Amino acid sequence: MKRVLMIAGIVVVAGGVMAAVLEKSHAGSKTAYRLVQVSRGDVQQTVSATGTLSAVRTVQVGTQVSGQIAELDADFNDHVRRGQVVARLDSTLLAQAVASAQTDLDRARANVEQTQFLSDQADRLHAAGSMTDTDWRTARYNYEVAQASLRSAQIALQRAQQNLDYAVIRSPIDGVVIERDVDVGQTVAASFSAPQLFLIAEDLRRMQILASVDESDIGAIKNGQPVSFTVQAYPDRTFQGRVAQVRMQSKTTDNVVNYTVVVAVDNPDGALLPGMTATLTFETAKATEVLRVSNAALRFRPSAELVAAIQAERRAAGDTARGATPDSAARAAWRERQAQGAAAAGGASAGARGTDGFAAGSGQRRAGESGFARLYYLDADGRPQVARVRTGLTDGQVTEISGPAVHEGMAFIAGLLTGSEAAAASSATSTNPFQAQRPQFRPGGF
């Protein structure tokens, strides 16, 4: 049983690493290469950001009058309806203010009746010539002032009654109470601003994320783009959303300019809660069912010795092709030019760029961009060869590639194995009874 497990482990290690030890007589030394295999699948180009979950609409419920909290009819997480009573203030003083305003109104009515009687009497006396114009005008003035005082008393009573009604706090919307900032017996003062008593979220089945995106990536974010995100509360679950808005207002933090992106999220099961931190991935471009290879192969640069060997082989192939068909001679000449280009790339620009048009370690290529790269592989005889491929989208780990001689399962050189790694890989290859035969790679040549 132990022997079977040991053999199975060797198979997994040998297949997962995809490292082959290939001995090659080259200037009296043996070279072991690490190979990566071309696979077929999807490549997604993404932008990462973080944000905070919140309700689409929240309302702060306050009070317009000062007083002491006499009753609380809502608590955290309670579902409330529009118009439902959520709190009450002590209304003793407010009720007294209503009674006082009513008394002032009664006094104003009595004053109107008295001044109206005097005004009517003054009209009769003035018409009979028994009252001067000045006394008559004074009587009329007193009556009009009394009418104005009556209207003012009516308004004061309405104000006092409205303040009394404000002592009963009602929910302005249908929603869920997510904050309660007061307790029974607490005094709230509404002198300059309305104090917040509750914070009510309208509908937690629909939420939003306010994500902060760097200015270098904001150009790739468009309305309607799909977004996937995770939260720490559910590390094994991926949620989906879409871009609802890209806000034009920028925010600068530590000399870094960011823009706020609003992501709409459905929350039918209520798993997401306001305030959760979300790690978002915006899908800016996607290539489906394409050939792809690890970026390690794109970063590989051959030694000058290997380049010289490839050039020598190409020159020999060109000499052999003399007298053959024009097509084969042209292909040999093209191969030699490719080898010379590889030597130049491996020298001056090896440290500057990882592939043609693809900066080493850059990680991302903009949507719609493509370039060319030189990849190295082993032909059927185990000799390194160079192939020029077109590169497409990349997600920072794998890159889309295409070319006439590139096919699924083909292996490209990703690096050199150290002595210990080569020995371990050689031992695993020689002792594994299930080791498959090395695939016969196409010699390439575009």
Protein backbone atom coordinates (compact mmCIF):
# COMPACT_ATOMS: atom_id res chain seq x y z
CA MET A 1 0.00 0.00 0.00
CA LYS A 2 2.82 2.42 0.88
CA ARG A 3 4.53 1.60 -2.43
CA VAL A 4 1.36 2.41 -4.38
CA LEU A 5 0.95 5.74 -2.56
CA MET A 6 4.61 6.57 -3.17
CA ILE A 7 4.28 5.85 -6.89
CA ALA A 8 1.07 7.90 -7.12
CA GLY A 9 2.79 10.82 -5.38
CA ILE A 10 5.67 10.70 -7.81
CA VAL A 11 3.23 10.74 -10.73
CA VAL A 12 1.41 13.81 -9.33
CA VAL A 13 4.67 15.68 -8.71
CA ALA A 14 6.06 14.83 -12.12
CA GLY A 15 2.86 15.81 -13.93
CA GLY A 16 2.10 18.97 -11.91
CA VAL A 17 5.53 20.49 -12.15
CA MET A 18 5.75 19.73 -15.88
CA ALA A 19 9.53 19.74 -15.60
CA ALA A 20 11.58 17.59 -17.94
CA VAL A 21 15.25 16.78 -17.69
CA LEU A 22 16.65 16.81 -21.15
CA GLU A 23 20.32 16.00 -21.59
CA LYS A 24 21.92 17.71 -24.52
CA SER A 25 25.53 17.59 -25.60
CA HIS A 26 26.32 21.24 -25.92
CA ALA A 27 29.88 22.49 -25.47
CA GLY A 28 30.60 19.52 -23.21
CA SER A 29 27.80 20.29 -20.71
CA LYS A 30 24.34 18.93 -19.96
CA THR A 31 21.38 21.32 -19.63
CA ALA A 32 18.10 20.57 -17.87
CA TYR A 33 15.08 22.66 -18.85
CA ARG A 34 11.84 23.34 -17.06
CA LEU A 35 8.93 23.17 -19.49
CA VAL A 36 5.41 24.59 -19.33
CA GLN A 37 2.60 23.20 -21.44
CA VAL A 38 0.22 25.06 -23.73
CA SER A 39 -3.38 24.59 -22.62
CA ARG A 40 -6.73 25.69 -23.96
CA GLY A 41 -9.13 27.73 -21.87
CA ASP A 42 -10.32 31.22 -21.00
CA VAL A 43 -8.16 34.25 -20.25
CA GLN A 44 -9.73 37.09 -18.31
CA GLN A 45 -8.17 40.50 -17.97
CA THR A 46 -9.25 42.06 -14.71
CA VAL A 47 -8.88 45.08 -12.46
CA SER A 48 -8.87 44.58 -8.69
CA ALA A 49 -10.20 46.98 -6.07
CA THR A 50 -11.72 47.09 -2.61
CA GLY A 51 -14.94 48.69 -1.43
CA THR A 52 -17.60 48.77 1.25
CA LEU A 53 -21.09 47.32 1.05
CA SER A 54 -23.99 49.61 1.83
CA ALA A 55 -27.72 49.86 1.26
CA VAL A 56 -28.80 51.58 -1.94
CA ARG A 57 -30.84 54.08 0.10
CA THR A 58 -30.61 54.89 3.78
CA VAL A 59 -32.60 57.50 5.71
CA GLN A 60 -31.61 59.17 8.96
CA VAL A 61 -34.63 59.44 11.23
CA GLY A 62 -34.40 62.41 13.61
CA THR A 63 -36.61 64.73 15.59
CA GLN A 64 -37.57 68.34 14.91
CA VAL A 65 -38.32 69.13 18.56
CA SER A 66 -36.33 68.75 21.71
CA GLY A 67 -37.38 66.51 24.53
CA GLN A 68 -36.82 63.35 26.49
CA ILE A 69 -37.25 59.92 24.88
CA ALA A 70 -40.32 58.44 26.56
CA GLU A 71 -40.79 55.32 24.42
CA LEU A 72 -38.90 53.32 21.78
CA ASP A 73 -41.00 51.16 19.49
CA ALA A 74 -38.20 49.92 17.17
CA ASP A 75 -34.82 48.30 17.70
CA PHE A 76 -31.87 47.01 15.69
CA ASN A 77 -32.79 44.78 12.70
CA ASP A 78 -36.51 45.52 13.03
CA HIS A 79 -38.49 45.70 9.81
CA VAL A 80 -40.63 48.83 9.81
CA ARG A 81 -43.30 50.18 7.49
CA ARG A 82 -43.74 53.72 6.27
CA GLY A 83 -45.68 55.75 8.87
CA GLN A 84 -45.06 53.25 11.67
CA VAL A 85 -44.31 54.76 15.09
CA VAL A 86 -40.70 54.08 16.08
CA ALA A 87 -40.33 56.42 19.09
CA ARG A 88 -42.17 58.94 21.26
CA LEU A 89 -40.94 62.02 23.12
CA ASP A 90 -42.26 63.27 26.45
CA SER A 91 -45.02 65.64 25.28
CA THR A 92 -45.86 67.37 28.57
CA LEU A 93 -44.31 70.72 27.69
CA LEU A 94 -45.51 70.51 24.09
CA ALA A 95 -49.11 69.91 25.25
CA GLN A 96 -48.83 72.90 27.56
CA ALA A 97 -47.63 75.00 24.65
CA VAL A 98 -50.74 73.95 22.71
CA ALA A 99 -52.99 74.95 25.61
CA SER A 100 -51.25 78.31 25.89
CA ALA A 101 -51.63 78.93 22.17
CA GLN A 102 -55.32 78.06 22.42
CA THR A 103 -55.73 80.60 25.22
CA ASP A 104 -54.05 83.29 23.12
CA LEU A 105 -56.39 82.46 20.26
CA ASP A 106 -59.47 82.84 22.48
CA ARG A 107 -58.19 86.20 23.70
CA ALA A 108 -57.61 87.34 20.12
CA ARG A 109 -61.15 86.35 19.12
CA ALA A 110 -62.61 88.35 22.02
CA ASN A 111 -60.52 91.34 21.08
CA VAL A 112 -61.77 91.13 17.51
CA GLU A 113 -65.38 91.10 18.68
CA GLN A 114 -64.83 94.14 20.92
CA THR A 115 -62.99 96.19 18.32
CA GLN A 116 -65.56 95.27 15.69
CA PHE A 117 -68.35 96.62 17.95
CA LEU A 118 -66.45 99.86 18.53
CA SER A 119 -65.70 100.19 14.84
CA ASP A 120 -69.37 99.77 13.91
CA GLN A 121 -70.38 102.33 16.53
CA ALA A 122 -67.76 104.73 15.23
CA ASP A 123 -69.17 104.36 11.72
CA ARG A 124 -72.64 105.46 12.90
CA LEU A 125 -71.34 108.37 14.92
CA HIS A 126 -69.07 109.52 12.14
CA ALA A 127 -71.93 109.35 9.66
CA ALA A 128 -74.08 111.51 12.02
CA GLY A 129 -71.27 114.04 12.38
CA SER A 130 -70.81 113.30 16.09
CA MET A 131 -67.23 111.88 15.78
CA THR A 132 -64.15 113.40 14.32
CA ASP A 133 -62.27 111.77 11.47
CA THR A 134 -59.33 111.03 13.73
CA ASP A 135 -61.39 109.06 16.26
CA TRP A 136 -63.17 107.19 13.48
CA ARG A 137 -59.88 106.20 11.83
CA THR A 138 -58.48 105.08 15.22
CA ALA A 139 -61.46 102.78 15.76
CA ARG A 140 -61.05 101.26 12.30
CA TYR A 141 -57.31 100.77 12.96
CA ASN A 142 -57.90 98.96 16.25
CA TYR A 143 -60.31 96.59 14.55
CA GLU A 144 -57.87 95.71 11.77
CA VAL A 145 -55.03 95.15 14.27
CA ALA A 146 -57.27 92.81 16.26
CA GLN A 147 -57.99 90.80 13.11
CA ALA A 148 -54.25 90.46 12.41
CA SER A 149 -53.64 89.35 15.99
CA LEU A 150 -56.33 86.71 15.56
CA ARG A 151 -54.62 85.32 12.47
CA SER A 152 -51.28 85.28 14.30
CA ALA A 153 -52.83 83.41 17.23
CA GLN A 154 -54.27 80.83 14.85
CA ILE A 155 -50.83 80.26 13.29
CA ALA A 156 -49.23 79.95 16.74
CA LEU A 157 -51.77 77.32 17.68
CA GLN A 158 -51.08 75.37 14.48
CA ARG A 159 -47.33 75.53 15.18
CA ALA A 160 -47.79 74.29 18.75
CA GLN A 161 -50.04 71.48 17.54
CA GLN A 162 -47.48 70.50 14.86
CA ASN A 163 -44.69 70.39 17.45
CA LEU A 164 -46.87 68.16 19.58
CA ASP A 165 -47.32 65.85 16.60
CA TYR A 166 -43.53 65.84 16.09
CA ALA A 167 -43.20 64.19 19.48
CA VAL A 168 -44.35 61.00 17.78
CA ILE A 169 -41.48 59.75 15.53
CA ARG A 170 -42.58 57.76 12.47
CA SER A 171 -40.62 55.84 9.86
CA PRO A 172 -40.45 57.71 6.54
CA ILE A 173 -39.87 54.55 4.44
CA ASP A 174 -40.28 50.79 4.44
CA GLY A 175 -37.00 49.25 5.55
CA VAL A 176 -34.80 47.75 8.23
CA VAL A 177 -33.40 49.55 11.27
CA ILE A 178 -29.62 49.24 11.05
CA GLU A 179 -28.75 51.86 13.68
CA ARG A 180 -30.39 53.03 16.92
CA ASP A 181 -28.62 55.94 18.59
CA VAL A 182 -30.85 56.71 21.60
CA ASP A 183 -32.30 55.00 24.65
CA VAL A 184 -35.36 55.63 26.78
CA GLY A 185 -34.80 58.55 29.14
CA GLN A 186 -32.20 60.22 26.93
CA THR A 187 -32.75 63.90 26.19
CA VAL A 188 -32.33 65.06 22.59
CA ALA A 189 -31.85 68.70 21.62
CA ALA A 190 -32.93 69.95 18.22
CA SER A 191 -31.72 73.51 18.62
CA PHE A 192 -29.45 73.74 15.56
CA SER A 193 -29.86 70.41 13.75
CA ALA A 194 -32.09 67.37 13.94
CA PRO A 195 -30.37 64.68 16.05
CA GLN A 196 -30.31 61.19 14.53
CA LEU A 197 -32.38 58.63 16.36
CA PHE A 198 -32.41 55.77 13.83
CA LEU A 199 -30.79 54.86 10.53
CA ILE A 200 -33.14 52.88 8.29
CA ALA A 201 -32.05 51.02 5.15
CA GLU A 202 -34.76 50.87 2.53
CA ASP A 203 -34.20 47.35 1.08
CA LEU A 204 -31.24 45.09 1.88
CA ARG A 205 -32.18 42.70 -0.92
CA ARG A 206 -30.57 45.22 -3.24
CA MET A 207 -27.25 46.67 -2.13
CA GLN A 208 -24.32 48.57 -3.58
CA ILE A 209 -20.56 48.65 -3.23
CA LEU A 210 -18.62 51.89 -3.33
CA ALA A 211 -15.27 50.76 -4.73
CA SER A 212 -12.14 52.89 -5.02
CA VAL A 213 -10.36 52.37 -8.37
CA ASP A 214 -6.95 53.78 -9.25
CA GLU A 215 -6.79 56.37 -12.03
CA SER A 216 -4.56 54.08 -14.12
CA ASP A 217 -7.36 51.49 -14.29
CA ILE A 218 -10.48 53.66 -14.37
CA GLY A 219 -10.39 53.90 -18.18
CA ALA A 220 -11.16 50.19 -18.44
CA ILE A 221 -14.26 50.39 -16.20
CA LYS A 222 -17.57 50.83 -18.05
CA ASN A 223 -21.20 50.82 -17.01
CA GLY A 224 -22.73 47.35 -17.14
CA GLN A 225 -19.45 45.44 -16.75
CA PRO A 226 -19.70 42.22 -14.73
CA VAL A 227 -18.03 42.24 -11.34
CA SER A 228 -17.22 39.37 -9.00
CA PHE A 229 -16.29 39.91 -5.37
CA THR A 230 -15.69 38.15 -2.09
CA VAL A 231 -16.16 39.11 1.55
CA GLN A 232 -14.27 37.83 4.57
CA ALA A 233 -17.42 36.41 6.12
CA TYR A 234 -17.79 33.91 3.24
CA PRO A 235 -14.26 33.18 1.93
CA ASP A 236 -15.41 30.23 -0.17
CA ARG A 237 -18.25 32.07 -1.88
CA THR A 238 -18.04 34.42 -4.87
CA PHE A 239 -20.77 37.02 -5.36
CA GLN A 240 -21.71 38.72 -8.61
CA GLY A 241 -22.60 42.31 -9.45
CA ARG A 242 -22.39 44.88 -12.22
CA VAL A 243 -21.04 48.40 -12.62
CA ALA A 244 -23.89 50.88 -12.12
CA GLN A 245 -21.98 54.16 -12.15
CA VAL A 246 -18.47 55.59 -12.52
CA ARG A 247 -18.40 58.82 -10.54
CA MET A 248 -16.40 61.69 -12.02
CA GLN A 249 -15.39 63.11 -8.66
CA SER A 250 -11.83 62.11 -7.79
CA LYS A 251 -10.28 61.60 -4.38
CA THR A 252 -6.55 62.03 -3.71
CA THR A 253 -4.99 60.04 -0.88
CA ASP A 254 -1.21 60.08 -0.37
CA ASN A 255 -0.77 61.55 -3.88
CA VAL A 256 -2.77 58.67 -5.38
CA VAL A 257 -5.85 59.65 -7.38
CA ASN A 258 -8.83 57.31 -7.08
CA TYR A 259 -12.35 57.32 -8.48
CA THR A 260 -15.47 55.86 -6.90
CA VAL A 261 -17.24 53.09 -8.83
CA VAL A 262 -20.75 52.10 -7.74
CA VAL A 263 -21.44 48.36 -8.11
CA ALA A 264 -25.04 47.12 -7.93
CA VAL A 265 -25.47 43.85 -6.03
CA ASP A 266 -28.43 41.53 -5.51
CA ASN A 267 -28.74 40.10 -2.00
CA PRO A 268 -31.79 37.80 -2.09
CA ASP A 269 -30.72 35.63 0.85
CA GLY A 270 -29.56 38.50 3.06
CA ALA A 271 -26.05 37.10 3.43
CA LEU A 272 -24.42 40.46 2.70
CA LEU A 273 -24.57 43.06 5.45
CA PRO A 274 -23.92 46.81 5.36
CA GLY A 275 -20.35 47.76 6.16
CA MET A 276 -18.71 44.55 4.92
CA THR A 277 -15.42 45.00 3.05
CA ALA A 278 -15.53 43.53 -0.46
CA THR A 279 -12.58 42.57 -2.65
CA LEU A 280 -13.72 43.15 -6.22
CA THR A 281 -12.55 41.89 -9.59
CA PHE A 282 -13.74 43.84 -12.63
CA GLU A 283 -13.72 41.82 -15.86
CA THR A 284 -12.41 44.27 -18.47
CA ALA A 285 -11.76 41.77 -21.30
CA LYS A 286 -12.12 38.05 -21.91
CA ALA A 287 -10.87 35.56 -24.49
CA THR A 288 -12.75 32.25 -24.59
CA GLU A 289 -11.30 28.86 -25.49
CA VAL A 290 -7.91 30.14 -26.64
CA LEU A 291 -4.42 28.70 -26.41
CA ARG A 292 -2.56 30.01 -23.40
CA VAL A 293 0.83 29.57 -21.81
CA SER A 294 2.40 30.50 -18.50
CA ASN A 295 4.09 33.89 -18.40
CA ALA A 296 7.24 32.11 -17.22
CA ALA A 297 7.79 30.99 -20.81
CA LEU A 298 7.46 34.58 -22.03
CA ARG A 299 10.04 35.76 -19.51
CA PHE A 300 12.60 33.08 -20.39
CA ARG A 301 15.73 34.36 -22.14
CA PRO A 302 18.29 31.94 -23.55
CA SER A 303 21.98 32.14 -22.82
CA ALA A 304 24.39 33.37 -25.47
CA GLU A 305 25.64 29.78 -25.80
CA LEU A 306 22.14 28.51 -26.59
CA VAL A 307 21.52 31.29 -29.10
CA ALA A 308 24.81 30.47 -30.85
CA ALA A 309 23.81 26.82 -31.06
CA ILE A 310 20.44 27.70 -32.60
CA GLN A 311 22.15 29.98 -35.12
CA ALA A 312 24.62 27.29 -36.07
CA GLU A 313 21.82 24.79 -36.58
CA ARG A 314 19.88 27.23 -38.72
CA ARG A 315 22.94 27.91 -40.87
CA ALA A 316 23.44 24.19 -41.30
CA ALA A 317 19.81 23.80 -42.22
CA GLY A 318 20.26 26.59 -44.79
CA ASP A 319 23.27 24.84 -46.36
CA THR A 320 21.36 21.58 -46.56
CA ALA A 321 18.42 23.32 -48.18
CA ARG A 322 20.53 24.66 -51.06
CA GLY A 323 19.45 23.06 -54.25
CA ALA A 324 16.09 22.23 -52.75
CA THR A 325 12.81 23.93 -53.53
CA PRO A 326 12.71 27.75 -53.29
CA ASP A 327 10.10 27.48 -50.58
CA SER A 328 12.27 25.38 -48.26
CA ALA A 329 15.25 27.67 -48.84
CA ALA A 330 13.17 30.71 -47.96
CA ARG A 331 11.94 29.04 -44.79
CA ALA A 332 15.53 28.23 -43.79
CA ALA A 333 16.58 31.82 -44.39
CA TRP A 334 13.65 33.04 -42.34
CA ARG A 335 14.66 30.73 -39.48
CA GLU A 336 18.20 32.12 -39.54
CA ARG A 337 16.91 35.69 -39.33
CA GLN A 338 14.73 34.65 -36.41
CA ALA A 339 17.72 33.15 -34.63
CA GLN A 340 19.75 36.32 -35.17
CA GLY A 341 16.88 38.36 -33.77
CA ALA A 342 16.75 36.06 -30.77
CA ALA A 343 20.45 36.66 -30.12
CA ALA A 344 19.88 40.42 -30.11
CA ALA A 345 16.86 40.10 -27.85
CA GLY A 346 18.78 37.85 -25.48
CA GLY A 347 21.54 40.42 -25.17
CA ALA A 348 20.79 44.12 -24.94
CA SER A 349 17.04 43.93 -24.34
CA ALA A 350 16.81 40.78 -22.22
CA GLY A 351 16.77 42.69 -19.00
CA ALA A 352 14.50 45.42 -20.30
CA ARG A 353 11.61 43.47 -21.82
CA GLY A 354 10.19 40.03 -21.26
CA THR A 355 8.70 39.66 -24.77
CA ASP A 356 8.35 41.79 -27.88
CA GLY A 357 5.99 44.55 -26.83
CA PHE A 358 5.44 42.89 -23.46
CA ALA A 359 7.39 44.30 -20.52
CA ALA A 360 8.82 41.68 -18.20
CA GLY A 361 6.80 41.51 -15.04
CA SER A 362 4.24 44.03 -16.32
CA GLY A 363 1.43 41.55 -15.67
CA GLN A 364 -1.39 43.12 -17.68
CA ARG A 365 -2.03 43.97 -21.31
CA ARG A 366 -4.75 46.41 -22.23
CA ALA A 367 -7.87 45.09 -23.93
CA GLY A 368 -7.46 44.96 -27.68
CA GLU A 369 -3.66 45.09 -27.58
CA SER A 370 -1.48 42.33 -28.95
CA GLY A 371 2.20 41.82 -29.66
CA PHE A 372 4.76 39.24 -30.58
CA ALA A 373 7.02 37.12 -28.44
CA ARG A 374 9.75 34.54 -28.97
CA LEU A 375 9.24 31.25 -27.20
CA TYR A 376 11.69 28.36 -27.03
CA TYR A 377 10.80 24.71 -27.32
CA LEU A 378 12.47 21.36 -27.91
CA ASP A 379 12.18 19.62 -31.24
CA ALA A 380 11.75 15.89 -31.72
CA ASP A 381 15.48 15.38 -31.14
CA GLY A 382 15.48 17.34 -27.90
CA ARG A 383 17.23 20.37 -29.38
CA PRO A 384 16.05 23.88 -28.43
CA GLN A 385 14.30 25.83 -31.15
CA VAL A 386 12.73 29.28 -31.31
CA ALA A 387 9.18 30.11 -32.35
CA ARG A 388 7.61 33.53 -32.87
CA VAL A 389 4.03 33.77 -31.59
CA ARG A 390 1.40 36.46 -31.31
CA THR A 391 0.39 37.34 -27.75
CA GLY A 392 -3.04 38.53 -26.65
CA LEU A 393 -4.78 39.02 -23.31
CA THR A 394 -3.06 38.14 -20.07
CA ASP A 395 -4.25 37.86 -16.48
CA GLY A 396 -0.77 38.17 -15.04
CA GLN A 397 -0.21 34.40 -14.83
CA VAL A 398 -1.05 33.06 -18.28
CA THR A 399 -1.13 34.78 -21.67
CA GLU A 400 -3.12 34.09 -24.81
CA ILE A 401 -0.87 33.01 -27.70
CA SER A 402 -1.42 32.01 -31.31
CA GLY A 403 0.70 30.94 -34.26
CA PRO A 404 0.77 28.49 -37.17
CA ALA A 405 2.79 25.87 -35.31
CA VAL A 406 1.36 26.36 -31.79
CA HIS A 407 -0.98 23.64 -30.64
CA GLU A 408 -2.52 22.40 -27.41
CA GLY A 409 -0.13 20.26 -25.39
CA MET A 410 2.99 21.82 -26.87
CA ALA A 411 5.67 22.61 -24.27
CA PHE A 412 7.85 25.69 -24.09
CA ILE A 413 10.98 26.30 -22.05
CA ALA A 414 10.31 28.32 -18.90
CA GLY A 415 13.73 28.15 -17.27
CA LEU A 416 16.74 26.09 -16.32
CA LEU A 417 16.72 23.55 -13.52
CA THR A 418 19.38 23.70 -10.83
CA GLY A 419 21.55 20.69 -10.15
CA SER A 420 19.41 19.39 -7.30
CA GLU A 421 16.15 20.00 -9.20
CA ALA A 422 17.53 18.25 -12.28
CA ALA A 423 18.66 15.26 -10.23
CA ALA A 424 15.28 14.98 -8.50
CA ALA A 425 13.41 15.25 -11.80
CA SER A 426 15.73 12.72 -13.44
CA SER A 427 15.26 10.30 -10.55
CA ALA A 428 11.47 10.70 -10.71
CA THR A 429 11.53 10.10 -14.46
CA SER A 430 13.69 6.98 -14.26
CA THR A 431 11.84 5.36 -11.34
CA ASN A 432 8.28 6.13 -12.38
CA PRO A 433 6.81 3.03 -14.06
CA PHE A 434 3.90 5.11 -15.37
CA GLN A 435 6.12 7.77 -17.03
CA ALA A 436 4.67 8.62 -20.45
CA GLN A 437 6.91 8.92 -23.46
CA ARG A 438 8.09 12.41 -24.23
CA PRO A 439 5.77 14.05 -26.75
CA GLN A 440 7.13 14.63 -30.20
CA PHE A 441 7.03 18.39 -30.51
CA ARG A 442 6.69 19.94 -33.90
CA PRO A 443 9.97 21.51 -34.95
CA GLY A 444 8.22 24.83 -35.53
CA GLY A 445 9.55 27.12 -38.19
CA PHE A 446 7.06 29.79 -39.23
